[in-house]
Amino acid sequence: MIPPPAQWLRPASLVAAIVIVTLGHFLTPLNRQIQHDVLVRLYYLPIVLGGLWYGLRGGLGTAGLITLVYLPHVLVVEHGIMTIGYLLEIPILIAVGLLVGLMVDRQEHYRRGLEIQTETLAQSHRELQEQTRLLLEKETQLRRADRLSALGQLSAGLAHEIRNPLGSIKGAVEILQDDYPPGHPKAEFYAILLKEVERLNDVLTNFLSFARPVTPRFAPVDVREILTALEGLISGQARAHRVQIFLSFHVGPSRVMADEMLLKQAFLNIMLNGVEAIPEGGDLAISTRLRPESTAGGRPEWVEVVFDDTGPGIPEEDQGRIFDPFFTTKKDGTGLGLAITHRIIENHHGTIRVMSQRGKGTTFVVALPLEGAIGL
């Protein structure tokens, strides 16, 4: 936008040029024919400038103004035989203004067309990038679904073949353990056997979670109440790891449509991961917030739960695989906890993402649609 003082500079320049040339005509003696011819040609300068600056209206407007001030000079002052020549000059002035204005307008129209095409191409490029991103996400989800499907089939067979003998082993060890009082050297080995049997049983339970995924039973639940209950549940384990848990909740709606047991399982997996990732003490901050950019009619649609620990962080090369089955950085981990969590959150129409830096901790952000959100 042209500043107010400068927007009058061009019109003033055109008017000044026309006035100067016209005064030159009136003040130049009639016998100086060459000077009059030069002055007539000088009229073309403001006409061209008017056309360049303002297009057709500028070119014709300037030519019209020149005609108004120049025609009286031709008619009143006696130029003899040159009067006809000067009169014929007027349509030429108008034609020049018309041509320059049309050329400039056409160039401006062409420029605007190019700008529109550029913006259209840029918009198409952005849409293509978004579609590419969505396709890559879908491809990742399909690959994960294929792995989970294969894992489910494998788990169903293995769990059936292993769980029954495992139960027999546990029962036999418990019977044999009764023959040795606490403190006996062999009692320690029986305790180790029972602990390992329980661990194998937990692994089988996780396998079965993939083999027979539970269909969520949706009902209104309060995210803040679930997190408060889970904080009390893991407080003992947190103290054992010298981890302090901090809860911070937003003010506003926090009810979501969810299967309470499954949502507790998902949140518990993340919280336990955070506690176990801090072996030498630290903090686990759990907070909730409304997603500010997702509003409909002034009403928020999403609530986010943020789990922020002060652990060692996750290597960048591993962050894209932490939700894959069997991927784990723990020595005794199964690599199924976060995979199950990811599936639960997706089944609740939500999203989960991770942000981490080596030595600066890890942050998990779970987003869930609020109760009554549009389209859900």
Protein backbone atom coordinates (compact mmCIF):
# COMPACT_ATOMS: atom_id res chain seq x y z
CA MET A 1 0.00 0.00 0.00
CA ILE A 2 1.33 3.44 -1.02
CA PRO A 3 1.82 5.77 1.99
CA PRO A 4 -0.69 8.69 2.08
CA PRO A 5 1.91 11.44 1.34
CA ALA A 6 3.26 9.51 -1.66
CA GLN A 7 -0.08 8.51 -3.21
CA TRP A 8 -0.60 12.06 -4.47
CA LEU A 9 2.91 12.41 -5.89
CA ARG A 10 2.19 10.69 -9.22
CA PRO A 11 -1.08 12.54 -10.03
CA ALA A 12 0.57 15.80 -9.03
CA SER A 13 3.52 15.03 -11.31
CA LEU A 14 1.19 14.38 -14.26
CA VAL A 15 -0.80 17.56 -13.70
CA ALA A 16 2.39 19.59 -13.30
CA ALA A 17 3.84 18.21 -16.56
CA ILE A 18 0.61 19.02 -18.45
CA VAL A 19 0.48 22.55 -16.98
CA ILE A 20 4.13 23.24 -17.84
CA VAL A 21 3.78 22.04 -21.44
CA THR A 22 0.51 23.99 -21.89
CA LEU A 23 2.04 27.17 -20.49
CA GLY A 24 4.90 26.65 -22.89
CA HIS A 25 2.43 26.63 -25.76
CA PHE A 26 0.72 29.83 -24.63
CA LEU A 27 3.96 31.65 -23.88
CA THR A 28 5.85 30.61 -27.02
CA PRO A 29 5.48 33.05 -29.94
CA LEU A 30 3.56 31.69 -32.92
CA ASN A 31 6.45 32.19 -35.29
CA ARG A 32 8.50 29.59 -33.41
CA GLN A 33 6.95 26.61 -35.06
CA ILE A 34 9.64 24.13 -34.08
CA GLN A 35 9.20 24.87 -30.38
CA HIS A 36 5.44 24.32 -30.68
CA ASP A 37 6.04 20.99 -32.43
CA VAL A 38 8.41 19.91 -29.65
CA LEU A 39 5.93 20.97 -26.96
CA VAL A 40 3.17 18.92 -28.60
CA ARG A 41 5.41 15.88 -28.57
CA LEU A 42 6.13 16.45 -24.88
CA TYR A 43 2.45 15.74 -24.17
CA TYR A 44 3.20 12.10 -24.91
CA LEU A 45 5.38 11.85 -21.78
CA PRO A 46 2.58 12.34 -19.18
CA ILE A 47 0.26 10.17 -21.28
CA VAL A 48 2.75 7.27 -21.25
CA LEU A 49 3.44 7.77 -17.54
CA GLY A 50 -0.29 7.88 -16.77
CA GLY A 51 -0.81 4.65 -18.69
CA LEU A 52 2.15 2.94 -17.00
CA TRP A 53 1.08 4.03 -13.53
CA TYR A 54 -2.72 3.61 -13.74
CA GLY A 55 -3.38 1.48 -16.80
CA LEU A 56 -6.20 2.24 -19.25
CA ARG A 57 -7.95 4.77 -17.00
CA GLY A 58 -4.64 6.54 -16.43
CA GLY A 59 -3.71 6.68 -20.12
CA LEU A 60 -7.15 7.83 -21.34
CA GLY A 61 -7.63 10.15 -18.38
CA THR A 62 -4.32 11.89 -19.00
CA ALA A 63 -5.01 12.14 -22.74
CA GLY A 64 -8.49 13.55 -22.02
CA LEU A 65 -7.09 16.17 -19.64
CA ILE A 66 -4.49 17.20 -22.22
CA THR A 67 -7.21 17.49 -24.84
CA LEU A 68 -9.22 19.81 -22.56
CA VAL A 69 -6.29 22.19 -21.99
CA TYR A 70 -4.69 21.87 -25.43
CA LEU A 71 -7.81 22.18 -27.64
CA PRO A 72 -8.60 25.81 -26.59
CA HIS A 73 -5.04 26.80 -27.46
CA VAL A 74 -5.45 25.32 -30.94
CA LEU A 75 -8.85 26.88 -31.54
CA VAL A 76 -8.25 30.32 -29.99
CA VAL A 77 -4.71 30.97 -31.16
CA GLU A 78 -4.31 31.34 -34.89
CA HIS A 79 -1.80 28.79 -36.18
CA GLY A 80 -2.63 29.15 -39.83
CA ILE A 81 -2.25 26.04 -41.92
CA MET A 82 -0.78 24.15 -38.90
CA THR A 83 -4.13 24.31 -37.07
CA ILE A 84 -5.36 21.19 -38.93
CA GLY A 85 -2.15 19.34 -38.02
CA TYR A 86 -2.53 20.22 -34.35
CA LEU A 87 -6.17 19.11 -34.38
CA LEU A 88 -5.15 15.77 -35.90
CA GLU A 89 -2.63 15.41 -33.08
CA ILE A 90 -5.45 15.10 -30.53
CA PRO A 91 -6.81 11.67 -31.66
CA ILE A 92 -3.22 10.45 -31.82
CA LEU A 93 -2.71 11.50 -28.18
CA ILE A 94 -5.89 9.63 -27.22
CA ALA A 95 -4.79 6.57 -29.23
CA VAL A 96 -1.42 6.52 -27.48
CA GLY A 97 -3.11 6.70 -24.09
CA LEU A 98 -5.48 3.91 -25.13
CA LEU A 99 -2.69 1.62 -26.38
CA VAL A 100 -0.36 2.17 -23.41
CA GLY A 101 -3.23 1.69 -20.97
CA LEU A 102 -4.40 -1.51 -22.67
CA MET A 103 -0.87 -2.92 -22.72
CA VAL A 104 -0.35 -2.16 -19.04
CA ASP A 105 -3.78 -3.55 -18.07
CA ARG A 106 -3.13 -6.71 -20.04
CA GLN A 107 0.26 -7.09 -18.40
CA GLU A 108 -1.32 -6.56 -14.96
CA HIS A 109 -4.03 -9.10 -15.78
CA TYR A 110 -1.36 -11.56 -16.89
CA ARG A 111 0.64 -10.92 -13.71
CA ARG A 112 -2.41 -11.50 -11.54
CA GLY A 113 -3.12 -14.67 -13.45
CA LEU A 114 0.42 -15.86 -12.77
CA GLU A 115 0.03 -15.01 -9.08
CA ILE A 116 -3.22 -16.98 -8.91
CA GLN A 117 -1.60 -19.92 -10.70
CA THR A 118 1.39 -19.73 -8.36
CA GLU A 119 -0.87 -19.71 -5.32
CA THR A 120 -2.90 -22.58 -6.78
CA LEU A 121 0.26 -24.58 -7.40
CA ALA A 122 1.51 -23.80 -3.90
CA GLN A 123 -1.82 -24.92 -2.43
CA SER A 124 -1.71 -28.08 -4.53
CA HIS A 125 1.84 -28.69 -3.35
CA ARG A 126 0.77 -28.30 0.29
CA GLU A 127 -2.18 -30.64 -0.25
CA LEU A 128 0.11 -33.14 -1.98
CA GLN A 129 2.52 -32.98 0.94
CA GLU A 130 -0.35 -33.56 3.37
CA GLN A 131 -1.65 -36.48 1.31
CA THR A 132 1.86 -37.93 1.17
CA ARG A 133 2.18 -37.60 4.92
CA LEU A 134 -1.18 -39.32 5.43
CA LEU A 135 -0.23 -42.10 3.02
CA LEU A 136 3.04 -42.68 4.86
CA GLU A 137 1.15 -42.78 8.16
CA LYS A 138 -1.35 -45.26 6.73
CA GLU A 139 1.49 -47.35 5.33
CA THR A 140 3.13 -47.42 8.77
CA GLN A 141 -0.18 -48.40 10.35
CA LEU A 142 -0.69 -51.17 7.80
CA ARG A 143 2.78 -52.55 8.39
CA ARG A 144 2.16 -52.49 12.13
CA ALA A 145 -1.24 -54.14 11.63
CA ASP A 146 0.39 -56.89 9.55
CA ARG A 147 2.95 -57.50 12.29
CA LEU A 148 0.25 -57.53 14.95
CA SER A 149 -1.88 -59.92 12.92
CA ALA A 150 1.02 -62.34 12.51
CA LEU A 151 1.86 -61.94 16.19
CA GLY A 152 -1.75 -62.68 17.13
CA GLN A 153 -1.82 -65.92 15.21
CA LEU A 154 1.51 -66.98 16.67
CA SER A 155 0.50 -65.99 20.19
CA ALA A 156 -2.76 -67.90 20.11
CA GLY A 157 -0.96 -71.15 19.31
CA LEU A 158 1.98 -70.61 21.66
CA ALA A 159 -0.15 -69.52 24.60
CA HIS A 160 -2.28 -72.66 24.41
CA GLU A 161 0.73 -74.97 24.15
CA ILE A 162 2.78 -73.26 26.87
CA ARG A 163 0.28 -72.09 29.50
CA ASN A 164 -0.99 -75.55 30.50
CA PRO A 165 2.48 -77.07 31.17
CA LEU A 166 3.48 -73.81 32.81
CA GLY A 167 0.60 -74.19 35.27
CA SER A 168 1.71 -77.74 36.01
CA ILE A 169 5.27 -76.59 36.66
CA LYS A 170 4.05 -73.87 39.02
CA GLY A 171 1.88 -76.31 40.98
CA ALA A 172 4.71 -78.85 41.27
CA VAL A 173 7.18 -76.20 42.47
CA GLU A 174 4.73 -74.95 45.10
CA ILE A 175 4.29 -78.52 46.43
CA LEU A 176 8.04 -79.14 46.53
CA GLN A 177 8.62 -75.76 48.16
CA ASP A 178 6.60 -76.86 51.19
CA ASP A 179 9.30 -79.45 52.00
CA TYR A 180 11.89 -76.73 52.67
CA PRO A 181 11.41 -74.08 55.37
CA PRO A 182 12.38 -70.42 54.76
CA GLY A 183 16.13 -70.00 55.00
CA HIS A 184 16.93 -73.40 53.57
CA PRO A 185 19.48 -73.18 50.71
CA LYS A 186 17.12 -74.91 48.29
CA ALA A 187 14.16 -72.69 49.21
CA GLU A 188 15.83 -69.80 47.36
CA PHE A 189 15.91 -71.79 44.12
CA TYR A 190 12.21 -72.65 44.39
CA ALA A 191 11.45 -68.95 44.88
CA ILE A 192 13.43 -68.14 41.74
CA LEU A 193 11.52 -70.81 39.80
CA LEU A 194 8.15 -69.41 40.91
CA LYS A 195 9.23 -65.86 40.00
CA GLU A 196 10.32 -66.93 36.52
CA VAL A 197 7.09 -68.89 36.02
CA GLU A 198 5.09 -65.76 36.92
CA ARG A 199 7.17 -63.72 34.48
CA LEU A 200 6.52 -66.20 31.67
CA ASN A 201 2.84 -66.14 32.53
CA ASP A 202 2.83 -62.33 32.22
CA VAL A 203 4.48 -62.62 28.82
CA LEU A 204 1.78 -65.05 27.71
CA THR A 205 -0.91 -62.70 28.99
CA ASN A 206 0.53 -59.90 26.84
CA PHE A 207 0.64 -62.26 23.86
CA LEU A 208 -3.02 -63.06 24.36
CA SER A 209 -3.85 -59.37 24.45
CA PHE A 210 -2.75 -59.27 20.81
CA ALA A 211 -4.24 -62.61 19.86
CA ARG A 212 -7.67 -61.72 21.27
CA PRO A 213 -7.89 -57.91 21.44
CA VAL A 214 -10.78 -56.74 23.60
CA THR A 215 -13.51 -54.68 21.93
CA PRO A 216 -13.81 -51.40 23.87
CA ARG A 217 -17.05 -50.73 25.72
CA PHE A 218 -17.36 -46.98 25.52
CA ALA A 219 -18.83 -44.96 28.36
CA PRO A 220 -18.20 -41.44 29.69
CA VAL A 221 -15.13 -41.42 31.96
CA ASP A 222 -13.14 -38.60 33.53
CA VAL A 223 -9.47 -38.59 32.53
CA ARG A 224 -8.47 -36.75 35.70
CA GLU A 225 -10.10 -39.36 37.94
CA ILE A 226 -8.31 -42.20 36.09
CA LEU A 227 -4.91 -40.51 36.45
CA THR A 228 -5.48 -39.79 40.14
CA ALA A 229 -6.37 -43.45 40.79
CA LEU A 230 -3.33 -44.70 38.87
CA GLU A 231 -1.01 -42.33 40.73
CA GLY A 232 -2.02 -44.00 43.99
CA LEU A 233 -1.60 -47.42 42.41
CA ILE A 234 2.04 -46.93 41.38
CA SER A 235 3.09 -44.70 44.28
CA GLY A 236 4.79 -47.62 46.05
CA GLN A 237 6.84 -48.57 42.99
CA ALA A 238 7.67 -44.90 42.43
CA ARG A 239 9.04 -44.60 45.97
CA ALA A 240 11.14 -47.72 45.42
CA HIS A 241 12.73 -46.00 42.40
CA ARG A 242 12.98 -42.66 44.28
CA VAL A 243 10.65 -41.07 41.70
CA GLN A 244 8.38 -38.18 42.59
CA ILE A 245 5.07 -38.00 40.73
CA PHE A 246 3.48 -34.61 40.10
CA LEU A 247 -0.12 -34.25 38.88
CA SER A 248 -1.37 -31.08 37.23
CA PHE A 249 -4.84 -30.87 35.70
CA HIS A 250 -6.42 -28.23 33.47
CA VAL A 251 -9.63 -26.40 34.28
CA GLY A 252 -12.42 -27.40 31.95
CA PRO A 253 -14.01 -30.48 30.39
CA SER A 254 -12.09 -33.76 30.74
CA ARG A 255 -14.68 -36.48 30.12
CA VAL A 256 -14.05 -38.79 27.18
CA MET A 257 -15.89 -41.73 25.68
CA ALA A 258 -13.70 -44.69 26.58
CA ASP A 259 -13.42 -48.16 28.01
CA GLU A 260 -12.21 -47.31 31.51
CA MET A 261 -10.24 -50.53 32.07
CA LEU A 262 -8.47 -50.34 28.72
CA LEU A 263 -7.67 -46.64 29.15
CA LYS A 264 -6.26 -47.38 32.61
CA GLN A 265 -4.10 -50.11 31.08
CA ALA A 266 -2.76 -47.73 28.44
CA PHE A 267 -1.98 -44.95 30.93
CA LEU A 268 -0.50 -47.43 33.40
CA ASN A 269 1.90 -48.80 30.78
CA ILE A 270 3.19 -45.29 30.07
CA MET A 271 3.49 -44.39 33.75
CA LEU A 272 5.33 -47.59 34.63
CA ASN A 273 7.68 -47.05 31.69
CA GLY A 274 8.39 -43.55 33.01
CA VAL A 275 9.09 -44.79 36.54
CA GLU A 276 11.30 -47.68 35.36
CA ALA A 277 13.22 -45.32 33.05
CA ILE A 278 14.50 -43.38 36.10
CA PRO A 279 16.62 -45.94 37.99
CA GLU A 280 18.45 -43.40 40.16
CA GLY A 281 15.56 -41.12 41.12
CA GLY A 282 13.86 -38.25 39.36
CA ASP A 283 10.48 -36.78 38.46
CA LEU A 284 7.44 -37.94 36.53
CA ALA A 285 5.09 -35.07 35.71
CA ILE A 286 1.60 -35.93 34.53
CA SER A 287 -0.61 -33.11 33.26
CA THR A 288 -3.72 -32.56 31.17
CA ARG A 289 -4.63 -29.76 28.81
CA LEU A 290 -7.14 -28.87 26.14
CA ARG A 291 -5.82 -28.72 22.61
CA PRO A 292 -6.23 -25.00 21.80
CA GLU A 293 -6.33 -25.23 18.00
CA SER A 294 -9.17 -27.77 17.95
CA THR A 295 -12.36 -25.87 18.72
CA ALA A 296 -15.80 -26.00 17.17
CA GLY A 297 -18.09 -23.10 17.94
CA GLY A 298 -15.79 -22.10 20.79
CA ARG A 299 -15.93 -25.59 22.33
CA PRO A 300 -12.74 -27.70 22.62
CA GLU A 301 -12.80 -31.12 20.99
CA TRP A 302 -9.64 -32.80 22.30
CA VAL A 303 -7.97 -33.32 25.65
CA GLU A 304 -4.27 -34.14 25.86
CA VAL A 305 -2.54 -36.12 28.62
CA VAL A 306 1.18 -35.39 28.93
CA PHE A 307 3.61 -37.79 30.65
CA ASP A 308 6.98 -36.10 31.13
CA ASP A 309 9.85 -37.96 32.83
CA THR A 310 13.43 -36.96 33.63
CA GLY A 311 14.94 -40.25 32.51
CA PRO A 312 17.87 -40.77 30.14
CA GLY A 313 15.69 -40.34 27.04
CA ILE A 314 15.24 -42.47 23.94
CA PRO A 315 17.82 -42.49 21.13
CA GLU A 316 16.53 -40.72 18.04
CA GLU A 317 17.00 -43.79 15.87
CA ASP A 318 14.72 -45.80 18.21
CA GLN A 319 11.86 -43.32 18.54
CA GLY A 320 10.15 -44.50 15.37
CA ARG A 321 10.08 -48.12 16.60
CA ILE A 322 9.03 -47.90 20.24
CA PHE A 323 5.40 -48.79 19.38
CA ASP A 324 6.43 -51.85 17.37
CA PRO A 325 5.81 -55.28 18.94
CA PHE A 326 8.85 -56.88 20.57
CA PHE A 327 10.95 -53.73 20.37
CA THR A 328 12.32 -52.87 23.79
CA THR A 329 15.34 -51.21 25.35
CA LYS A 330 14.87 -53.04 28.68
CA LYS A 331 16.92 -56.10 29.53
CA ASP A 332 13.91 -58.08 30.75
CA GLY A 333 11.21 -56.33 28.69
CA THR A 334 8.88 -58.04 26.23
CA GLY A 335 8.41 -55.04 23.93
CA LEU A 336 4.62 -55.35 24.07
CA GLY A 337 3.58 -52.71 26.62
CA LEU A 338 3.74 -49.66 24.35
CA ALA A 339 2.48 -51.67 21.37
CA ILE A 340 -0.65 -52.56 23.38
CA THR A 341 -0.94 -48.92 24.51
CA HIS A 342 -0.76 -47.72 20.91
CA ARG A 343 -3.51 -50.12 19.86
CA ILE A 344 -5.77 -49.07 22.77
CA ILE A 345 -5.38 -45.35 22.02
CA GLU A 346 -6.07 -45.89 18.31
CA ASN A 347 -9.20 -47.91 19.17
CA HIS A 348 -10.34 -44.90 21.19
CA HIS A 349 -10.00 -42.63 18.10
CA GLY A 350 -7.00 -40.95 19.72
CA THR A 351 -3.34 -40.40 18.95
CA ILE A 352 -0.11 -40.93 20.85
CA ARG A 353 3.25 -39.37 20.07
CA VAL A 354 6.64 -39.33 21.74
CA MET A 355 9.29 -36.62 22.05
CA SER A 356 12.66 -37.38 23.57
CA GLN A 357 16.25 -36.23 23.75
CA ARG A 358 19.18 -38.18 25.09
CA GLY A 359 19.91 -37.03 28.63
CA LYS A 360 16.83 -34.76 28.77
CA GLY A 361 13.99 -37.18 29.42
CA THR A 362 10.98 -38.36 27.43
CA THR A 363 7.52 -36.94 26.87
CA PHE A 364 4.48 -38.96 25.77
CA VAL A 365 1.41 -37.02 24.64
CA VAL A 366 -1.92 -38.86 24.36
CA ALA A 367 -4.77 -36.99 22.66
CA LEU A 368 -8.36 -38.18 23.09
CA PRO A 369 -11.62 -36.74 21.73
CA LEU A 370 -13.80 -35.20 24.41
CA GLU A 371 -17.28 -36.50 25.09
CA GLY A 372 -19.66 -35.14 22.45
CA ALA A 373 -16.89 -34.08 20.05
CA ILE A 374 -18.11 -33.46 16.50
CA GLY A 375 -17.82 -36.40 14.15
CA LEU A 376 -17.31 -39.00 16.88
